[in-house]
Amino acid sequence: MNTHSILALPLVAAMNIAALAAAANPPIGSTFSTGTDGWSALDLNCDNYAQSVGGGTITWFASGGAPGGFIRSTDPTSNCYSYESPLPFEGDKSGYIEGELRWKIRTNVADWLPGSVLILIGGGTTLVADVPQPTTNVWLSYEVSLVNTSFHLNSTAGATPSVVQFQSAMTNLTSIRISAEFGSEAGEETVDLDSVVLVSTCSADLNGDGVVDAQDLAILLGAWGSTSDPASDINYSGLTDATDLAILLGSWGPCR
């Protein structure tokens, strides 16, 4: 092996590490097209979002969502009600840092502003993002960037977590909690959830192999016209169509 080859080894190793970091992060989605997808409902202590003080009941509907099926739950108490993620959304999700969490929600009551939050829990840290208050009786789309500056520690009044704290939480994610607490009175609101999807920075990499290529194109074309595939619906419009195809083709090649 010549000197140039030896000197090139660290660069090759670094490139391989970067490729591995980009890979294995396909979109994770819940469309609720066939059931609840493992989501549950929790009543939380409003002063400590990490503490569950009870559960709730979820009802699945096969149609009427945004689009397709959706889940519904009604607030049982004056505590802070939320939807709780299933296992596919938990664990080491550090590969989704700088990506997004997206979801769609509908509520019949929206008169309590503090309840509109997204909660991530992991590594002993509770991260809280303040999201816009929904309007009533319409499906609204939400997107939160998965970066430390989108969140606060413990509550919306808390400090911004450090990059290290955020990295630790995402590496050891135990819970994603999407708030359903929008009413100022106990048990007055019924809240629907649909199209939850976790995407990396390379959202067109549909199979998570670190490159946008013919395999991803095949996945997208296989979902063409679908209203129940949030992973292939790259622009989150509710339909896998020509706009998503244009985004995929524009992202062609290695993820960066």
Protein backbone atom coordinates (compact mmCIF):
# COMPACT_ATOMS: atom_id res chain seq x y z
CA MET A 1 0.00 0.00 0.00
CA ASN A 2 1.48 3.36 -0.98
CA THR A 3 1.58 6.52 1.13
CA HIS A 4 -1.36 8.07 -0.69
CA SER A 5 -3.51 5.02 0.06
CA ILE A 6 -2.57 5.15 3.74
CA LEU A 7 -3.40 8.84 3.95
CA ALA A 8 -6.71 8.23 2.22
CA LEU A 9 -7.89 5.68 4.81
CA PRO A 10 -9.13 8.22 7.40
CA LEU A 11 -11.07 10.04 4.69
CA VAL A 12 -12.64 6.81 3.45
CA ALA A 13 -13.55 5.85 7.01
CA ALA A 14 -15.13 9.25 7.60
CA MET A 15 -17.14 8.95 4.39
CA ASN A 16 -18.35 5.48 5.41
CA ILE A 17 -19.42 6.76 8.82
CA ALA A 18 -21.29 9.63 7.18
CA ALA A 19 -23.03 7.22 4.83
CA LEU A 20 -24.07 4.98 7.71
CA ALA A 21 -25.40 7.99 9.60
CA ALA A 22 -27.54 8.94 6.61
CA ALA A 23 -28.80 5.40 6.10
CA ALA A 24 -31.41 3.34 7.93
CA ASN A 25 -33.69 6.29 8.59
CA PRO A 26 -36.75 5.71 6.41
CA PRO A 27 -39.91 7.64 7.27
CA ILE A 28 -41.92 6.17 10.14
CA GLY A 29 -45.63 6.73 9.74
CA SER A 30 -49.05 6.02 11.20
CA THR A 31 -51.89 6.38 8.71
CA PHE A 32 -54.54 4.65 10.85
CA SER A 33 -55.80 3.01 7.66
CA THR A 34 -56.39 -0.36 9.36
CA GLY A 35 -56.51 0.44 13.08
CA THR A 36 -54.97 2.42 15.92
CA ASP A 37 -51.37 1.49 14.90
CA GLY A 38 -50.55 0.97 18.58
CA TRP A 39 -51.21 4.55 19.69
CA SER A 40 -52.70 5.10 23.14
CA ALA A 41 -54.02 8.00 25.20
CA LEU A 42 -52.67 9.29 28.50
CA ASP A 43 -53.74 11.81 31.10
CA LEU A 44 -50.67 13.79 32.18
CA ASN A 45 -49.79 15.95 35.15
CA CYS A 46 -49.97 19.46 33.68
CA ASP A 47 -47.01 20.49 35.85
CA ASN A 48 -44.93 17.47 34.85
CA TYR A 49 -45.51 16.16 31.34
CA ALA A 50 -43.38 13.10 32.08
CA GLN A 51 -45.86 11.90 34.73
CA SER A 52 -48.90 9.92 33.63
CA VAL A 53 -51.88 10.11 36.00
CA GLY A 54 -54.31 8.00 34.02
CA GLY A 55 -55.31 6.62 30.67
CA GLY A 56 -57.96 7.15 28.08
CA THR A 57 -59.99 5.42 25.41
CA ILE A 58 -59.21 5.56 21.69
CA THR A 59 -61.75 4.87 18.96
CA TRP A 60 -60.66 4.03 15.42
CA PHE A 61 -62.58 5.22 12.36
CA ALA A 62 -61.99 3.65 8.94
CA SER A 63 -62.83 6.84 7.03
CA GLY A 64 -63.25 10.57 7.54
CA GLY A 65 -59.60 11.28 8.31
CA ALA A 66 -57.10 13.51 6.56
CA PRO A 67 -57.41 11.33 4.56
CA GLY A 68 -58.57 7.75 5.19
CA GLY A 69 -58.80 6.38 8.73
CA PHE A 70 -58.10 8.24 11.96
CA ILE A 71 -58.26 7.84 15.73
CA ARG A 72 -60.37 9.78 18.22
CA SER A 73 -60.28 10.31 21.97
CA THR A 74 -62.31 12.45 24.35
CA ASP A 75 -60.69 14.23 27.28
CA PRO A 76 -61.81 12.50 30.52
CA THR A 77 -60.56 14.97 33.18
CA SER A 78 -59.01 18.37 33.88
CA ASN A 79 -55.49 16.94 33.51
CA CYS A 80 -53.38 17.35 30.36
CA TYR A 81 -54.53 14.78 27.86
CA SER A 82 -52.25 13.50 25.07
CA TYR A 83 -51.76 10.84 22.45
CA GLU A 84 -48.87 8.46 23.19
CA SER A 85 -46.59 6.98 20.51
CA PRO A 86 -46.14 3.23 19.88
CA LEU A 87 -42.79 1.43 19.78
CA PRO A 88 -41.85 2.18 16.14
CA PHE A 89 -41.50 5.87 17.05
CA GLU A 90 -39.28 5.16 20.06
CA GLY A 91 -35.68 4.05 20.70
CA ASP A 92 -32.62 5.53 19.04
CA LYS A 93 -34.03 8.21 16.74
CA SER A 94 -30.87 10.33 16.56
CA GLY A 95 -30.87 9.75 12.80
CA TYR A 96 -33.95 11.96 12.57
CA ILE A 97 -32.29 14.99 14.15
CA GLU A 98 -32.81 17.98 11.84
CA GLY A 99 -35.73 16.11 10.29
CA GLU A 100 -39.37 16.68 11.24
CA LEU A 101 -42.28 15.22 13.15
CA ARG A 102 -45.54 15.83 11.30
CA TRP A 103 -49.14 15.14 12.24
CA LYS A 104 -52.72 16.23 11.56
CA ILE A 105 -55.22 17.03 14.27
CA ARG A 106 -58.85 18.11 14.61
CA THR A 107 -60.66 19.27 17.74
CA ASN A 108 -64.16 20.48 18.54
CA VAL A 109 -62.90 22.84 21.28
CA ALA A 110 -59.84 25.12 21.32
CA ASP A 111 -60.01 27.65 24.13
CA TRP A 112 -57.00 26.68 26.27
CA LEU A 113 -53.76 27.87 24.69
CA PRO A 114 -51.26 26.17 27.07
CA GLY A 115 -52.42 22.74 25.94
CA SER A 116 -51.08 23.03 22.40
CA VAL A 117 -47.71 21.29 22.73
CA LEU A 118 -45.54 18.46 21.45
CA ILE A 119 -43.65 16.48 24.09
CA LEU A 120 -40.57 14.30 23.59
CA ILE A 121 -39.18 12.26 26.47
CA GLY A 122 -35.85 10.47 26.48
CA GLY A 123 -32.57 10.15 28.33
CA GLY A 124 -34.15 11.54 31.48
CA THR A 125 -35.09 14.76 29.67
CA THR A 126 -38.54 16.16 28.87
CA LEU A 127 -38.64 18.39 25.80
CA VAL A 128 -41.67 20.57 25.08
CA ALA A 129 -42.41 22.42 21.83
CA ASP A 130 -45.04 25.16 21.77
CA VAL A 131 -47.21 24.63 18.67
CA PRO A 132 -49.99 26.83 17.28
CA GLN A 133 -53.45 26.61 18.78
CA PRO A 134 -55.77 24.73 16.41
CA THR A 135 -58.99 26.12 15.07
CA THR A 136 -62.08 23.99 15.62
CA ASN A 137 -63.69 21.28 13.52
CA VAL A 138 -61.12 21.24 10.70
CA TRP A 139 -58.07 19.10 10.05
CA LEU A 140 -54.85 21.06 10.59
CA SER A 141 -51.31 19.99 9.65
CA TYR A 142 -48.42 20.42 12.06
CA GLU A 143 -44.67 20.18 11.47
CA VAL A 144 -42.00 20.53 14.16
CA SER A 145 -38.31 20.62 13.22
CA LEU A 146 -36.33 18.14 15.28
CA VAL A 147 -33.63 20.53 16.44
CA ASN A 148 -32.86 21.68 19.96
CA THR A 149 -34.08 25.24 19.33
CA SER A 150 -37.63 24.00 18.64
CA PHE A 151 -37.97 22.83 22.25
CA HIS A 152 -37.84 23.90 25.89
CA LEU A 153 -36.94 21.90 28.97
CA ASN A 154 -39.94 20.56 30.92
CA SER A 155 -42.43 23.25 29.85
CA THR A 156 -42.89 25.98 27.26
CA ALA A 157 -41.42 28.40 29.80
CA GLY A 158 -38.25 26.34 30.25
CA ALA A 159 -34.77 26.95 28.90
CA THR A 160 -33.73 25.81 25.44
CA PRO A 161 -32.04 22.40 25.71
CA SER A 162 -28.41 22.18 24.72
CA VAL A 163 -27.41 20.28 21.59
CA VAL A 164 -26.03 17.54 23.87
CA GLN A 165 -29.30 17.29 25.84
CA PHE A 166 -31.32 17.10 22.64
CA GLN A 167 -29.00 14.48 21.17
CA SER A 168 -29.31 12.38 24.33
CA ALA A 169 -33.11 12.56 24.30
CA MET A 170 -33.33 11.59 20.64
CA THR A 171 -30.86 8.73 21.11
CA ASN A 172 -32.93 7.29 23.96
CA LEU A 173 -36.46 8.32 22.97
CA THR A 174 -39.08 6.65 25.16
CA SER A 175 -42.16 8.70 24.31
CA ILE A 176 -43.66 11.10 21.80
CA ARG A 177 -46.73 12.77 23.23
CA ILE A 178 -48.99 14.82 20.97
CA SER A 179 -51.25 16.99 23.08
CA ALA A 180 -55.02 16.67 22.83
CA GLU A 181 -55.69 19.12 25.67
CA PHE A 182 -57.35 22.10 24.02
CA GLY A 183 -60.33 22.83 26.29
CA SER A 184 -60.39 24.96 29.42
CA GLU A 185 -63.08 22.82 31.05
CA ALA A 186 -62.73 19.19 32.14
CA GLY A 187 -63.67 16.63 29.55
CA GLU A 188 -65.18 18.98 26.98
CA GLU A 189 -63.06 18.31 23.90
CA THR A 190 -62.97 15.44 21.44
CA VAL A 191 -59.72 15.33 19.46
CA ASP A 192 -58.89 13.40 16.29
CA LEU A 193 -55.38 12.41 15.15
CA ASP A 194 -54.14 11.33 11.72
CA SER A 195 -51.08 11.06 9.44
CA VAL A 196 -48.29 11.03 12.02
CA VAL A 197 -44.89 10.72 10.34
CA LEU A 198 -41.29 11.02 11.48
CA VAL A 199 -38.93 11.97 8.64
CA SER A 200 -35.18 12.48 8.43
CA THR A 201 -33.50 15.38 6.63
CA CYS A 202 -33.48 13.20 3.51
CA SER A 203 -37.23 12.73 3.33
CA ALA A 204 -37.11 11.40 -0.24
CA ASP A 205 -34.99 8.44 0.90
CA LEU A 206 -38.05 6.24 1.32
CA ASN A 207 -36.21 3.01 2.09
CA GLY A 208 -33.61 4.61 4.37
CA ASP A 209 -30.48 3.35 2.61
CA GLY A 210 -28.78 6.76 2.47
CA VAL A 211 -29.38 7.43 -1.21
CA VAL A 212 -32.35 8.56 -3.28
CA ASP A 213 -32.45 6.19 -6.24
CA ALA A 214 -34.53 3.80 -8.29
CA GLN A 215 -35.62 1.84 -5.21
CA ASP A 216 -37.20 4.95 -3.71
CA LEU A 217 -38.77 5.78 -7.05
CA ALA A 218 -40.33 2.31 -7.13
CA ILE A 219 -41.75 2.80 -3.62
CA LEU A 220 -43.25 6.15 -4.58
CA LEU A 221 -44.75 4.84 -7.81
CA GLY A 222 -46.19 1.89 -5.88
CA ALA A 223 -47.99 4.38 -3.64
CA TRP A 224 -49.07 6.63 -6.52
CA GLY A 225 -52.47 8.19 -5.90
CA SER A 226 -52.55 6.90 -2.33
CA THR A 227 -54.16 9.01 0.36
CA SER A 228 -52.97 6.77 3.19
CA ASP A 229 -49.17 6.65 2.85
CA PRO A 230 -47.56 9.56 4.73
CA ALA A 231 -44.06 8.26 4.00
CA SER A 232 -44.41 8.51 0.21
CA ASP A 233 -46.38 11.75 0.53
CA ILE A 234 -43.12 13.72 0.74
CA ASN A 235 -44.69 17.18 0.73
CA TYR A 236 -47.41 16.11 3.20
CA SER A 237 -50.27 17.23 0.97
CA GLY A 238 -52.43 14.19 1.68
CA LEU A 239 -51.77 12.57 -1.71
CA THR A 240 -48.78 10.85 -3.31
CA ASP A 241 -48.60 12.61 -6.66
CA ALA A 242 -46.48 14.48 -9.20
CA THR A 243 -45.27 17.01 -6.64
CA ASP A 244 -43.77 14.22 -4.55
CA LEU A 245 -42.22 12.73 -7.67
CA ALA A 246 -40.62 16.09 -8.50
CA ILE A 247 -39.17 16.35 -4.98
CA LEU A 248 -37.77 12.83 -5.20
CA LEU A 249 -36.16 13.42 -8.59
CA GLY A 250 -34.75 16.74 -7.38
CA SER A 251 -33.14 14.91 -4.43
CA TRP A 252 -31.64 12.16 -6.60
CA GLY A 253 -28.33 10.80 -5.36
CA PRO A 254 -26.61 10.39 -1.97
CA CYS A 255 -28.26 12.01 1.04
CA ARG A 256 -26.26 14.90 2.38
